[in-house]
Amino acid sequence: MRSKIAEALALKYPPVAILHTDEKPTDVLQFKEGRWGCVVALLMGAARGRPAAFDRKTFGCPGGGTGLGFGNRYVDFPGGIEYFLSTGNPEFCATEAGRAMVRSWWALAEGEGYFKTPELARKFINQLPMVDVPTKYVVFKPLDLVTPEETPVVVVFLANPDQISALTVLVYYFREPGEHVIVPFGAGCHSIGIIPYREAQRPVPRAVVGLVDISIRKRVDRDLLSFTVPYKMFLDMESNVEGSFLGKHAWREVRERYTTGPEKGKAHPTGEGRSTQG
């Protein structure tokens, strides 16, 4: 499936489709059962051409399982997810189980500091749109590998600031005035999964700008964020490329900044390390 938007924006990576399916594609990246891993790392793998699959035993981490739509995976988080996201839980880390974990998982004791108090963190978790998807697998595929028989749930663009700007303007190009793009706080996988899933249920869905989770920023190119839309919204955007600003002088002038000259094709290094949310 080709994308007019991707071509007009000169995206570095093809859009990634997220599908819910009972059939796992062949030759996919997948975490081993019980193995810790970062969903966003496999999102980047899919963007580079290698599809990925997840199920209820191979979602990588509690945030990943929650964000992909395998229910609330935070309920059994060691020491309490509300402490992990805020101030840490020294009492838990003083136990035998806690001492064993904190050697490689420092935030159990110190907290990630994303919320001032555990109470605020708990309220954040409680308001997440928890979903239990009706299928066995959640699959990431480059959009250009999606077949006519497949229907994505959402489509994820990986875009730089110029391209995020263009995607935002395109959403407003054909819609009545309103709030059509949001930037919610959450784990990286929340922003490409359950939050856009919720938007897909709204009469007028909104685009979700994501990957603002500090814990996963080292896993993506430093100039990229995600822009995720429900599939029907994606089709509406695609049908409005022609005739829009994307074919006019102002956008062409901006686009030239990274399609010509020494910056063309320049990639930024990605970091490695353990993700703590998803």
C-alpha atoms as a PDB file:
ATOM      1  CA  MET A   1       0.000   0.000   0.000  1.00  0.00           C
ATOM      2  CA  ARG A   2       1.621   3.218  -1.172  1.00  0.00           C
ATOM      3  CA  SER A   3       1.109   6.500   0.642  1.00  0.00           C
ATOM      4  CA  LYS A   4       0.766   9.840  -1.132  1.00  0.00           C
ATOM      5  CA  ILE A   5       1.493  11.532   2.187  1.00  0.00           C
ATOM      6  CA  ALA A   6       4.780   9.683   2.661  1.00  0.00           C
ATOM      7  CA  GLU A   7       5.882  10.669  -0.826  1.00  0.00           C
ATOM      8  CA  ALA A   8       4.850  14.314  -0.445  1.00  0.00           C
ATOM      9  CA  LEU A   9       6.622  14.588   2.915  1.00  0.00           C
ATOM     10  CA  ALA A  10       9.747  12.677   1.795  1.00  0.00           C
ATOM     11  CA  LEU A  11       9.635  10.609   4.985  1.00  0.00           C
ATOM     12  CA  LYS A  12      12.849   8.882   5.987  1.00  0.00           C
ATOM     13  CA  TYR A  13      10.880   5.787   7.004  1.00  0.00           C
ATOM     14  CA  PRO A  14       7.646   4.401   5.533  1.00  0.00           C
ATOM     15  CA  PRO A  15       4.540   4.687   7.709  1.00  0.00           C
ATOM     16  CA  VAL A  16       3.989   1.674   9.969  1.00  0.00           C
ATOM     17  CA  ALA A  17       0.600  -0.044  10.077  1.00  0.00           C
ATOM     18  CA  ILE A  18      -0.583  -1.644  13.318  1.00  0.00           C
ATOM     19  CA  LEU A  19      -2.890  -4.588  12.747  1.00  0.00           C
ATOM     20  CA  HIS A  20      -4.900  -6.846  15.053  1.00  0.00           C
ATOM     21  CA  THR A  21      -4.928 -10.386  13.699  1.00  0.00           C
ATOM     22  CA  ASP A  22      -5.165 -14.047  14.649  1.00  0.00           C
ATOM     23  CA  GLU A  23      -2.541 -14.969  12.060  1.00  0.00           C
ATOM     24  CA  LYS A  24       1.124 -14.212  12.605  1.00  0.00           C
ATOM     25  CA  PRO A  25       3.007 -13.237   9.443  1.00  0.00           C
ATOM     26  CA  THR A  26       6.101 -15.224   8.566  1.00  0.00           C
ATOM     27  CA  ASP A  27       9.599 -13.878   9.151  1.00  0.00           C
ATOM     28  CA  VAL A  28       8.720 -11.358  11.862  1.00  0.00           C
ATOM     29  CA  LEU A  29      10.641  -9.961  14.783  1.00  0.00           C
ATOM     30  CA  GLN A  30       9.191 -11.169  18.083  1.00  0.00           C
ATOM     31  CA  PHE A  31      10.375 -11.156  21.678  1.00  0.00           C
ATOM     32  CA  LYS A  32      10.921 -14.506  23.321  1.00  0.00           C
ATOM     33  CA  GLU A  33       8.346 -15.482  25.920  1.00  0.00           C
ATOM     34  CA  GLY A  34       9.165 -13.822  29.230  1.00  0.00           C
ATOM     35  CA  ARG A  35      12.007 -11.784  27.713  1.00  0.00           C
ATOM     36  CA  TRP A  36      12.232  -8.060  28.514  1.00  0.00           C
ATOM     37  CA  GLY A  37      12.172  -5.812  25.474  1.00  0.00           C
ATOM     38  CA  CYS A  38      11.027  -2.443  24.143  1.00  0.00           C
ATOM     39  CA  VAL A  39       8.029  -2.213  21.830  1.00  0.00           C
ATOM     40  CA  VAL A  40       9.393   1.008  20.317  1.00  0.00           C
ATOM     41  CA  ALA A  41      12.588  -0.780  19.282  1.00  0.00           C
ATOM     42  CA  LEU A  42      10.473  -3.167  17.186  1.00  0.00           C
ATOM     43  CA  LEU A  43       8.464  -0.220  15.840  1.00  0.00           C
ATOM     44  CA  MET A  44      11.739   1.118  14.471  1.00  0.00           C
ATOM     45  CA  GLY A  45      12.542  -2.337  13.128  1.00  0.00           C
ATOM     46  CA  ALA A  46       9.238  -2.363  11.258  1.00  0.00           C
ATOM     47  CA  ALA A  47       9.943   1.105   9.895  1.00  0.00           C
ATOM     48  CA  ARG A  48      13.215  -0.259   8.529  1.00  0.00           C
ATOM     49  CA  GLY A  49      11.349  -3.062   6.739  1.00  0.00           C
ATOM     50  CA  ARG A  50      11.082  -5.930   9.233  1.00  0.00           C
ATOM     51  CA  PRO A  51       7.543  -6.668  10.498  1.00  0.00           C
ATOM     52  CA  ALA A  52       7.083  -7.465  14.195  1.00  0.00           C
ATOM     53  CA  ALA A  53       4.484  -9.445  16.125  1.00  0.00           C
ATOM     54  CA  PHE A  54       3.379  -9.485  19.763  1.00  0.00           C
ATOM     55  CA  ASP A  55       1.047 -11.684  21.754  1.00  0.00           C
ATOM     56  CA  ARG A  56       0.044 -11.958  25.401  1.00  0.00           C
ATOM     57  CA  LYS A  57       3.286 -13.735  26.285  1.00  0.00           C
ATOM     58  CA  THR A  58       5.706 -11.723  24.139  1.00  0.00           C
ATOM     59  CA  PHE A  59       4.928  -8.041  24.679  1.00  0.00           C
ATOM     60  CA  GLY A  60       8.286  -7.171  26.196  1.00  0.00           C
ATOM     61  CA  CYS A  61       7.372  -5.203  29.330  1.00  0.00           C
ATOM     62  CA  PRO A  62       4.265  -4.179  31.331  1.00  0.00           C
ATOM     63  CA  GLY A  63       4.039  -0.833  29.564  1.00  0.00           C
ATOM     64  CA  GLY A  64       4.344  -2.556  26.223  1.00  0.00           C
ATOM     65  CA  GLY A  65       1.618  -5.069  26.994  1.00  0.00           C
ATOM     66  CA  THR A  66      -0.649  -2.303  28.228  1.00  0.00           C
ATOM     67  CA  GLY A  67       0.103   0.003  25.312  1.00  0.00           C
ATOM     68  CA  LEU A  68      -0.434  -2.685  22.679  1.00  0.00           C
ATOM     69  CA  GLY A  69      -3.844  -3.525  24.122  1.00  0.00           C
ATOM     70  CA  PHE A  70      -3.291  -6.739  26.071  1.00  0.00           C
ATOM     71  CA  GLY A  71      -5.147  -5.451  29.118  1.00  0.00           C
ATOM     72  CA  ASN A  72      -3.773  -3.757  32.224  1.00  0.00           C
ATOM     73  CA  ARG A  73      -0.327  -5.310  32.610  1.00  0.00           C
ATOM     74  CA  TYR A  74       0.640  -2.936  35.418  1.00  0.00           C
ATOM     75  CA  VAL A  75      -1.364  -4.770  38.085  1.00  0.00           C
ATOM     76  CA  ASP A  76       1.536  -7.023  39.068  1.00  0.00           C
ATOM     77  CA  PHE A  77       4.307  -4.451  38.640  1.00  0.00           C
ATOM     78  CA  PRO A  78       6.981  -5.087  41.334  1.00  0.00           C
ATOM     79  CA  GLY A  79       6.845  -2.461  44.053  1.00  0.00           C
ATOM     80  CA  GLY A  80       3.879  -0.685  42.411  1.00  0.00           C
ATOM     81  CA  ILE A  81       3.864   1.159  39.099  1.00  0.00           C
ATOM     82  CA  GLU A  82       2.826   4.407  40.832  1.00  0.00           C
ATOM     83  CA  TYR A  83       6.109   4.433  42.807  1.00  0.00           C
ATOM     84  CA  PHE A  84       8.201   3.484  39.792  1.00  0.00           C
ATOM     85  CA  LEU A  85       6.844   6.427  37.777  1.00  0.00           C
ATOM     86  CA  SER A  86       7.340   8.909  40.614  1.00  0.00           C
ATOM     87  CA  THR A  87       9.442   8.701  43.773  1.00  0.00           C
ATOM     88  CA  GLY A  88      10.539   5.060  43.846  1.00  0.00           C
ATOM     89  CA  ASN A  89       9.845   2.450  46.512  1.00  0.00           C
ATOM     90  CA  PRO A  90      12.811   2.059  48.912  1.00  0.00           C
ATOM     91  CA  GLU A  91      10.798  -0.216  51.208  1.00  0.00           C
ATOM     92  CA  PHE A  92      10.208  -2.745  48.439  1.00  0.00           C
ATOM     93  CA  CYS A  93      13.845  -2.494  47.366  1.00  0.00           C
ATOM     94  CA  ALA A  94      14.924  -3.438  50.906  1.00  0.00           C
ATOM     95  CA  THR A  95      13.176  -6.806  50.576  1.00  0.00           C
ATOM     96  CA  GLU A  96      14.965  -9.847  49.206  1.00  0.00           C
ATOM     97  CA  ALA A  97      13.072  -9.688  45.912  1.00  0.00           C
ATOM     98  CA  GLY A  98      13.611  -5.943  45.625  1.00  0.00           C
ATOM     99  CA  ARG A  99      17.351  -6.131  46.281  1.00  0.00           C
ATOM    100  CA  ALA A 100      17.722  -8.648  43.471  1.00  0.00           C
ATOM    101  CA  MET A 101      15.818  -6.448  41.008  1.00  0.00           C
ATOM    102  CA  VAL A 102      17.220  -3.035  41.855  1.00  0.00           C
ATOM    103  CA  ARG A 103      20.770  -4.022  40.871  1.00  0.00           C
ATOM    104  CA  SER A 104      19.756  -3.732  37.211  1.00  0.00           C
ATOM    105  CA  TRP A 105      16.621  -1.604  37.574  1.00  0.00           C
ATOM    106  CA  TRP A 106      17.617   1.546  39.432  1.00  0.00           C
ATOM    107  CA  ALA A 107      14.262   3.314  39.062  1.00  0.00           C
ATOM    108  CA  LEU A 108      12.598   0.822  41.410  1.00  0.00           C
ATOM    109  CA  ALA A 109      14.377   2.614  44.243  1.00  0.00           C
ATOM    110  CA  GLU A 110      14.756   6.157  42.881  1.00  0.00           C
ATOM    111  CA  GLY A 111      11.690   6.424  40.681  1.00  0.00           C
ATOM    112  CA  GLU A 112      11.645   7.854  37.177  1.00  0.00           C
ATOM    113  CA  GLY A 113      10.408  11.236  38.376  1.00  0.00           C
ATOM    114  CA  TYR A 114       7.704  11.570  35.716  1.00  0.00           C
ATOM    115  CA  PHE A 115       5.127  12.405  38.409  1.00  0.00           C
ATOM    116  CA  LYS A 116       5.676  14.406  41.582  1.00  0.00           C
ATOM    117  CA  THR A 117       3.815  11.926  43.778  1.00  0.00           C
ATOM    118  CA  PRO A 118       2.681   8.282  43.615  1.00  0.00           C
ATOM    119  CA  GLU A 119      -0.902   9.536  43.919  1.00  0.00           C
ATOM    120  CA  LEU A 120      -0.610  11.518  40.679  1.00  0.00           C
ATOM    121  CA  ALA A 121       0.991   8.526  38.973  1.00  0.00           C
ATOM    122  CA  ARG A 122      -1.840   6.260  40.112  1.00  0.00           C
ATOM    123  CA  LYS A 123      -4.419   8.704  38.745  1.00  0.00           C
ATOM    124  CA  PHE A 124      -2.567   8.672  35.425  1.00  0.00           C
ATOM    125  CA  ILE A 125      -2.658   4.867  35.250  1.00  0.00           C
ATOM    126  CA  ASN A 126      -6.330   4.780  36.203  1.00  0.00           C
ATOM    127  CA  GLN A 127      -7.317   7.092  33.352  1.00  0.00           C
ATOM    128  CA  LEU A 128      -5.520   5.139  30.630  1.00  0.00           C
ATOM    129  CA  PRO A 129      -7.923   3.645  28.052  1.00  0.00           C
ATOM    130  CA  MET A 130      -7.159   0.008  28.882  1.00  0.00           C
ATOM    131  CA  VAL A 131      -8.024  -2.367  26.051  1.00  0.00           C
ATOM    132  CA  ASP A 132      -8.010  -6.130  25.659  1.00  0.00           C
ATOM    133  CA  VAL A 133      -7.759  -6.633  21.903  1.00  0.00           C
ATOM    134  CA  PRO A 134      -9.978  -9.411  20.503  1.00  0.00           C
ATOM    135  CA  THR A 135      -7.166 -11.022  18.518  1.00  0.00           C
ATOM    136  CA  LYS A 136      -4.170 -13.193  19.320  1.00  0.00           C
ATOM    137  CA  TYR A 137      -1.557 -10.897  17.778  1.00  0.00           C
ATOM    138  CA  VAL A 138      -0.745  -7.243  17.365  1.00  0.00           C
ATOM    139  CA  VAL A 139       1.426  -6.806  14.280  1.00  0.00           C
ATOM    140  CA  PHE A 140       3.615  -3.929  13.063  1.00  0.00           C
ATOM    141  CA  LYS A 141       4.142  -3.798   9.283  1.00  0.00           C
ATOM    142  CA  PRO A 142       5.591  -1.183   6.958  1.00  0.00           C
ATOM    143  CA  LEU A 143       2.558   0.258   5.205  1.00  0.00           C
ATOM    144  CA  ASP A 144       3.961  -0.658   1.809  1.00  0.00           C
ATOM    145  CA  LEU A 145       3.832  -4.352   2.827  1.00  0.00           C
ATOM    146  CA  VAL A 146       0.166  -4.257   3.853  1.00  0.00           C
ATOM    147  CA  THR A 147      -1.972  -6.311   1.459  1.00  0.00           C
ATOM    148  CA  PRO A 148      -5.419  -5.343   0.118  1.00  0.00           C
ATOM    149  CA  GLU A 149      -6.931  -8.022   2.359  1.00  0.00           C
ATOM    150  CA  GLU A 150      -5.528  -6.404   5.515  1.00  0.00           C
ATOM    151  CA  THR A 151      -7.083  -3.472   7.373  1.00  0.00           C
ATOM    152  CA  PRO A 152      -4.828  -1.634   9.825  1.00  0.00           C
ATOM    153  CA  VAL A 153      -6.208  -0.303  13.090  1.00  0.00           C
ATOM    154  CA  VAL A 154      -3.899   2.723  13.097  1.00  0.00           C
ATOM    155  CA  VAL A 155      -1.079   4.109  10.967  1.00  0.00           C
ATOM    156  CA  VAL A 156       2.088   5.543  12.521  1.00  0.00           C
ATOM    157  CA  PHE A 157       4.156   8.214  10.789  1.00  0.00           C
ATOM    158  CA  LEU A 158       7.703   8.775  12.056  1.00  0.00           C
ATOM    159  CA  ALA A 159       8.388  12.387  11.264  1.00  0.00           C
ATOM    160  CA  ASN A 160      10.703  15.310  11.908  1.00  0.00           C
ATOM    161  CA  PRO A 161       9.406  18.748  13.049  1.00  0.00           C
ATOM    162  CA  ASP A 162       8.813  19.967   9.482  1.00  0.00           C
ATOM    163  CA  GLN A 163       6.861  16.809   8.658  1.00  0.00           C
ATOM    164  CA  ILE A 164       4.904  16.871  11.948  1.00  0.00           C
ATOM    165  CA  SER A 165       3.944  20.433  11.022  1.00  0.00           C
ATOM    166  CA  ALA A 166       2.776  19.329   7.576  1.00  0.00           C
ATOM    167  CA  LEU A 167       0.791  16.373   8.956  1.00  0.00           C
ATOM    168  CA  THR A 168      -0.921  18.689  11.438  1.00  0.00           C
ATOM    169  CA  VAL A 169      -1.829  21.204   8.753  1.00  0.00           C
ATOM    170  CA  LEU A 170      -3.144  18.414   6.505  1.00  0.00           C
ATOM    171  CA  VAL A 171      -5.501  17.215   9.249  1.00  0.00           C
ATOM    172  CA  TYR A 172      -6.963  20.719   9.555  1.00  0.00           C
ATOM    173  CA  TYR A 173      -7.075  21.242   5.770  1.00  0.00           C
ATOM    174  CA  PHE A 174     -10.319  19.321   5.215  1.00  0.00           C
ATOM    175  CA  ARG A 175     -12.000  19.395   8.631  1.00  0.00           C
ATOM    176  CA  GLU A 176     -14.257  21.793  10.451  1.00  0.00           C
ATOM    177  CA  PRO A 177     -12.392  23.875  13.064  1.00  0.00           C
ATOM    178  CA  GLY A 178     -11.731  22.026  16.311  1.00  0.00           C
ATOM    179  CA  GLU A 179      -9.089  20.149  18.322  1.00  0.00           C
ATOM    180  CA  HIS A 180      -7.795  17.570  15.858  1.00  0.00           C
ATOM    181  CA  VAL A 181      -4.244  16.845  17.083  1.00  0.00           C
ATOM    182  CA  ILE A 182      -3.225  15.989  20.658  1.00  0.00           C
ATOM    183  CA  VAL A 183       0.122  15.427  22.417  1.00  0.00           C
ATOM    184  CA  PRO A 184      -0.714  13.347  25.510  1.00  0.00           C
ATOM    185  CA  PHE A 185       1.826  12.199  28.057  1.00  0.00           C
ATOM    186  CA  GLY A 186       2.347   8.460  28.202  1.00  0.00           C
ATOM    187  CA  ALA A 187       4.702   5.623  27.464  1.00  0.00           C
ATOM    188  CA  GLY A 188       5.883   5.450  23.881  1.00  0.00           C
ATOM    189  CA  CYS A 189       3.706   2.402  23.255  1.00  0.00           C
ATOM    190  CA  HIS A 190       0.642   4.132  24.738  1.00  0.00           C
ATOM    191  CA  SER A 191       1.003   6.883  22.131  1.00  0.00           C
ATOM    192  CA  ILE A 192       0.970   4.469  19.168  1.00  0.00           C
ATOM    193  CA  GLY A 193      -1.449   1.938  20.674  1.00  0.00           C
ATOM    194  CA  ILE A 194      -4.233   2.375  23.201  1.00  0.00           C
ATOM    195  CA  ILE A 195      -4.535   6.170  22.928  1.00  0.00           C
ATOM    196  CA  PRO A 196      -4.981   6.108  19.105  1.00  0.00           C
ATOM    197  CA  TYR A 197      -7.213   3.015  19.539  1.00  0.00           C
ATOM    198  CA  ARG A 198      -9.474   5.185  21.704  1.00  0.00           C
ATOM    199  CA  GLU A 199      -9.435   7.925  19.088  1.00  0.00           C
ATOM    200  CA  ALA A 200     -10.619   5.410  16.501  1.00  0.00           C
ATOM    201  CA  GLN A 201     -13.835   5.042  18.519  1.00  0.00           C
ATOM    202  CA  ARG A 202     -14.579   8.781  18.550  1.00  0.00           C
ATOM    203  CA  PRO A 203     -17.012  10.283  16.012  1.00  0.00           C
ATOM    204  CA  VAL A 204     -14.281  12.747  15.021  1.00  0.00           C
ATOM    205  CA  PRO A 205     -10.950  11.093  15.881  1.00  0.00           C
ATOM    206  CA  ARG A 206      -7.806  13.073  16.599  1.00  0.00           C
ATOM    207  CA  ALA A 207      -4.218  12.463  15.555  1.00  0.00           C
ATOM    208  CA  VAL A 208      -1.833  11.574  18.384  1.00  0.00           C
ATOM    209  CA  VAL A 209       1.695  12.989  18.463  1.00  0.00           C
ATOM    210  CA  GLY A 210       3.840  10.649  20.535  1.00  0.00           C
ATOM    211  CA  LEU A 211       7.196   9.139  21.454  1.00  0.00           C
ATOM    212  CA  VAL A 212       7.641  11.968  23.950  1.00  0.00           C
ATOM    213  CA  ASP A 213       8.397   9.347  26.624  1.00  0.00           C
ATOM    214  CA  ILE A 214      11.918  10.177  27.847  1.00  0.00           C
ATOM    215  CA  SER A 215      12.609   6.505  28.574  1.00  0.00           C
ATOM    216  CA  ILE A 216      12.431   5.571  24.897  1.00  0.00           C
ATOM    217  CA  ARG A 217      13.937   8.649  23.251  1.00  0.00           C
ATOM    218  CA  LYS A 218      17.344   6.948  22.977  1.00  0.00           C
ATOM    219  CA  ARG A 219      15.743   4.267  20.803  1.00  0.00           C
ATOM    220  CA  VAL A 220      14.556   6.587  18.040  1.00  0.00           C
ATOM    221  CA  ASP A 221      16.300   9.080  15.785  1.00  0.00           C
ATOM    222  CA  ARG A 222      16.762  12.272  17.764  1.00  0.00           C
ATOM    223  CA  ASP A 223      14.722  14.397  15.344  1.00  0.00           C
ATOM    224  CA  LEU A 224      11.695  12.075  15.086  1.00  0.00           C
ATOM    225  CA  LEU A 225       8.336  11.909  16.830  1.00  0.00           C
ATOM    226  CA  SER A 226       5.348   9.749  15.969  1.00  0.00           C
ATOM    227  CA  PHE A 227       2.090  10.973  14.435  1.00  0.00           C
ATOM    228  CA  THR A 228      -0.509   8.228  14.746  1.00  0.00           C
ATOM    229  CA  VAL A 229      -3.973   8.214  13.216  1.00  0.00           C
ATOM    230  CA  PRO A 230      -6.825   5.707  13.009  1.00  0.00           C
ATOM    231  CA  TYR A 231      -6.944   4.002   9.625  1.00  0.00           C
ATOM    232  CA  LYS A 232     -10.089   5.746   8.378  1.00  0.00           C
ATOM    233  CA  MET A 233      -8.554   9.096   9.289  1.00  0.00           C
ATOM    234  CA  PHE A 234      -5.440   8.088   7.360  1.00  0.00           C
ATOM    235  CA  LEU A 235      -7.546   7.354   4.273  1.00  0.00           C
ATOM    236  CA  ASP A 236      -9.252  10.757   4.602  1.00  0.00           C
ATOM    237  CA  MET A 237      -5.831  12.429   4.810  1.00  0.00           C
ATOM    238  CA  GLU A 238      -4.580  10.500   1.789  1.00  0.00           C
ATOM    239  CA  SER A 239      -7.585  11.599  -0.283  1.00  0.00           C
ATOM    240  CA  ASN A 240      -6.849  15.252   0.486  1.00  0.00           C
ATOM    241  CA  VAL A 241      -3.189  15.428  -0.512  1.00  0.00           C
ATOM    242  CA  GLU A 242      -3.915  16.566  -4.053  1.00  0.00           C
ATOM    243  CA  GLY A 243      -4.911  20.214  -4.183  1.00  0.00           C
ATOM    244  CA  SER A 244      -3.533  20.932  -0.708  1.00  0.00           C
ATOM    245  CA  PHE A 245      -0.531  22.976   0.383  1.00  0.00           C
ATOM    246  CA  LEU A 246       1.628  19.873  -0.128  1.00  0.00           C
ATOM    247  CA  GLY A 247       1.794  20.733  -3.819  1.00  0.00           C
ATOM    248  CA  LYS A 248       2.454  24.422  -3.356  1.00  0.00           C
ATOM    249  CA  HIS A 249       5.492  26.636  -3.011  1.00  0.00           C
ATOM    250  CA  ALA A 250       5.625  27.107   0.784  1.00  0.00           C
ATOM    251  CA  TRP A 251       5.856  23.366   1.485  1.00  0.00           C
ATOM    252  CA  ARG A 252       8.268  22.713  -1.382  1.00  0.00           C
ATOM    253  CA  GLU A 253      10.579  25.349   0.052  1.00  0.00           C
ATOM    254  CA  VAL A 254      10.526  23.738   3.508  1.00  0.00           C
ATOM    255  CA  ARG A 255      10.922  20.248   2.058  1.00  0.00           C
ATOM    256  CA  GLU A 256      14.093  21.257   0.234  1.00  0.00           C
ATOM    257  CA  ARG A 257      15.861  21.723   3.568  1.00  0.00           C
ATOM    258  CA  TYR A 258      16.249  17.983   4.010  1.00  0.00           C
ATOM    259  CA  THR A 259      15.880  16.612   0.484  1.00  0.00           C
ATOM    260  CA  THR A 260      18.792  18.567  -1.008  1.00  0.00           C
ATOM    261  CA  GLY A 261      22.245  19.580   0.152  1.00  0.00           C
ATOM    262  CA  PRO A 262      24.498  18.106   2.864  1.00  0.00           C
ATOM    263  CA  GLU A 263      21.616  17.209   5.227  1.00  0.00           C
ATOM    264  CA  LYS A 264      19.938  14.903   2.704  1.00  0.00           C
ATOM    265  CA  GLY A 265      19.548  11.409   4.084  1.00  0.00           C
ATOM    266  CA  LYS A 266      21.507  12.231   7.213  1.00  0.00           C
ATOM    267  CA  ALA A 267      20.722   9.722   9.961  1.00  0.00           C
ATOM    268  CA  HIS A 268      21.139  10.167  13.670  1.00  0.00           C
ATOM    269  CA  PRO A 269      22.523   7.444  15.945  1.00  0.00           C
ATOM    270  CA  THR A 270      20.139   5.501  18.162  1.00  0.00           C
ATOM    271  CA  GLY A 271      20.947   4.484  21.708  1.00  0.00           C
ATOM    272  CA  GLU A 272      20.630   1.183  23.450  1.00  0.00           C
ATOM    273  CA  GLY A 273      19.438   0.366  26.924  1.00  0.00           C
ATOM    274  CA  ARG A 274      16.471  -0.803  28.921  1.00  0.00           C
ATOM    275  CA  SER A 275      13.104   0.844  28.390  1.00  0.00           C
ATOM    276  CA  THR A 276      11.100   1.335  31.542  1.00  0.00           C
ATOM    277  CA  GLN A 277       7.586   1.942  30.213  1.00  0.00           C
ATOM    278  CA  GLY A 278       7.156   0.449  26.802  1.00  0.00           C
END
